Protein backbone atom coordinates (compact mmCIF):
# COMPACT_ATOMS: atom_id res chain seq x y z
CA MET A 1 28.27 8.78 1.14
CA GLY A 2 29.80 10.49 4.29
CA ALA A 3 26.59 12.28 5.69
CA LYS A 4 26.77 13.55 8.44
CA GLU A 5 23.82 14.28 10.26
CA ILE A 6 20.71 12.90 9.16
CA ASP A 7 17.52 15.42 10.34
CA ALA A 8 14.05 13.88 10.85
CA PHE A 9 11.71 14.23 8.48
CA THR A 10 9.57 17.95 9.75
CA GLY A 11 6.58 16.96 7.53
CA LEU A 12 4.34 18.47 5.57
CA GLY A 13 4.32 21.94 6.28
CA SER A 14 2.03 22.29 9.50
CA TYR A 15 0.46 19.32 8.51
CA ASP A 16 1.88 16.25 11.07
CA SER A 17 0.06 13.36 11.68
CA THR A 18 0.91 12.48 15.49
CA ARG A 19 -1.21 15.29 16.04
CA TYR A 20 -4.42 13.11 15.27
CA GLN A 21 -4.41 9.54 16.54
CA THR A 22 -7.38 8.10 14.78
CA THR A 23 -6.38 9.77 11.88
CA HIS A 24 -6.63 7.04 9.18
CA VAL A 25 -4.35 8.64 5.33
CA GLN A 26 -4.24 6.75 2.63
CA GLY A 27 -3.54 7.02 -0.92
CA GLY A 28 -0.46 7.04 -3.18
CA THR A 29 0.14 3.75 -4.18
CA ILE A 30 -3.72 3.00 -5.86
CA MET A 31 -4.77 -0.60 -6.55
CA GLY A 32 -6.79 -0.90 -9.31
CA ALA A 33 -7.08 -3.71 -12.72
CA ASP A 34 -5.78 -0.95 -14.89
CA PRO A 35 -1.58 -0.50 -15.10
CA THR A 36 -1.27 2.89 -16.36
CA ARG A 37 -3.92 3.26 -14.02
CA SER A 38 -2.78 2.23 -10.90
CA VAL A 39 0.44 1.47 -9.25
CA VAL A 40 -1.03 -2.57 -7.46
CA ASN A 41 -3.11 -4.88 -9.45
CA PRO A 42 -6.13 -5.97 -6.40
CA TYR A 43 -3.87 -8.59 -5.46
CA LEU A 44 -1.61 -5.85 -4.23
CA GLN A 45 1.44 -6.92 -6.20
CA HIS A 46 3.10 -4.07 -7.98
CA TRP A 47 2.22 -4.19 -12.09
CA GLN A 48 5.78 -3.86 -13.18
CA LEU A 49 8.08 -5.44 -9.76
CA PRO A 50 5.74 -9.07 -9.43
CA ASN A 51 7.81 -9.98 -6.17
CA LEU A 52 6.99 -6.68 -4.96
CA PHE A 53 3.32 -6.24 -2.91
CA VAL A 54 2.13 -3.26 -1.09
CA LEU A 55 -0.51 -4.02 2.49
CA GLY A 56 -1.46 -1.22 4.25
CA GLY A 57 -4.45 1.76 3.42
CA SER A 58 -2.20 3.32 0.21
CA THR A 59 -3.88 0.87 -1.69
CA PHE A 60 -7.26 2.79 -1.53
CA PRO A 61 -7.67 5.54 -4.45
CA GLN A 62 -9.94 7.58 -1.91
CA ASN A 63 -10.17 7.39 1.95
CA ALA A 64 -13.84 6.27 3.20
CA SER A 65 -16.14 7.12 5.65
CA MET A 66 -15.28 4.92 8.04
CA ASN A 67 -12.35 3.53 9.21
CA PRO A 68 -10.36 1.97 7.11
CA THR A 69 -9.49 -1.23 9.46
CA PRO A 70 -11.43 -4.33 7.91
CA THR A 71 -10.74 -3.40 4.67
CA ILE A 72 -7.24 -3.23 5.32
CA LEU A 73 -7.29 -7.06 6.76
CA ALA A 74 -9.59 -8.57 4.35
CA CYS A 75 -6.96 -7.31 1.52
CA THR A 76 -4.54 -8.22 2.97
CA LEU A 77 -5.72 -11.13 4.07
CA ARG A 78 -6.78 -11.74 -0.23
CA SER A 79 -2.89 -10.63 -0.83
CA ALA A 80 -1.26 -13.12 1.62
CA ASP A 81 -3.36 -15.58 -0.16
CA ALA A 82 -2.70 -15.33 -3.45
CA ILE A 83 1.10 -15.17 -1.96
CA VAL A 84 1.04 -18.63 0.06
CA ASN A 85 -1.34 -20.23 -2.96
CA ARG A 86 -0.63 -19.33 -6.05
CA TYR A 87 2.86 -17.33 -6.75
CA LEU A 88 4.57 -19.60 -4.56
CA LYS A 89 4.28 -22.39 -7.22
CA LEU A 90 4.55 -19.80 -9.95
CA PRO A 91 6.39 -16.15 -9.27
CA GLY A 92 4.83 -13.81 -11.48
CA PRO A 93 2.29 -11.38 -12.64
CA LEU A 94 -1.16 -12.22 -10.12
CA ALA A 95 -3.43 -10.38 -12.69
């Protein structure tokens, strides 16, 4: 593509998450039961691309008041179980 120089992303204005080592940035690929109001289904599978699964805090609609790690792990375990026991046997939408 002819690129000669690549500059690292400088962040969003003065916001820089590396300054806040306990920040749990969430949201962006919202999980939900309705494809018109969310990006991924409850199994963290993209509504329009059934072979794409999005794991992590980005699937939360908002930031909870507590550490999200246990919830992220629970959602990841549920997704992995659905991939192994359902999706790999019959690829396609899980919800």
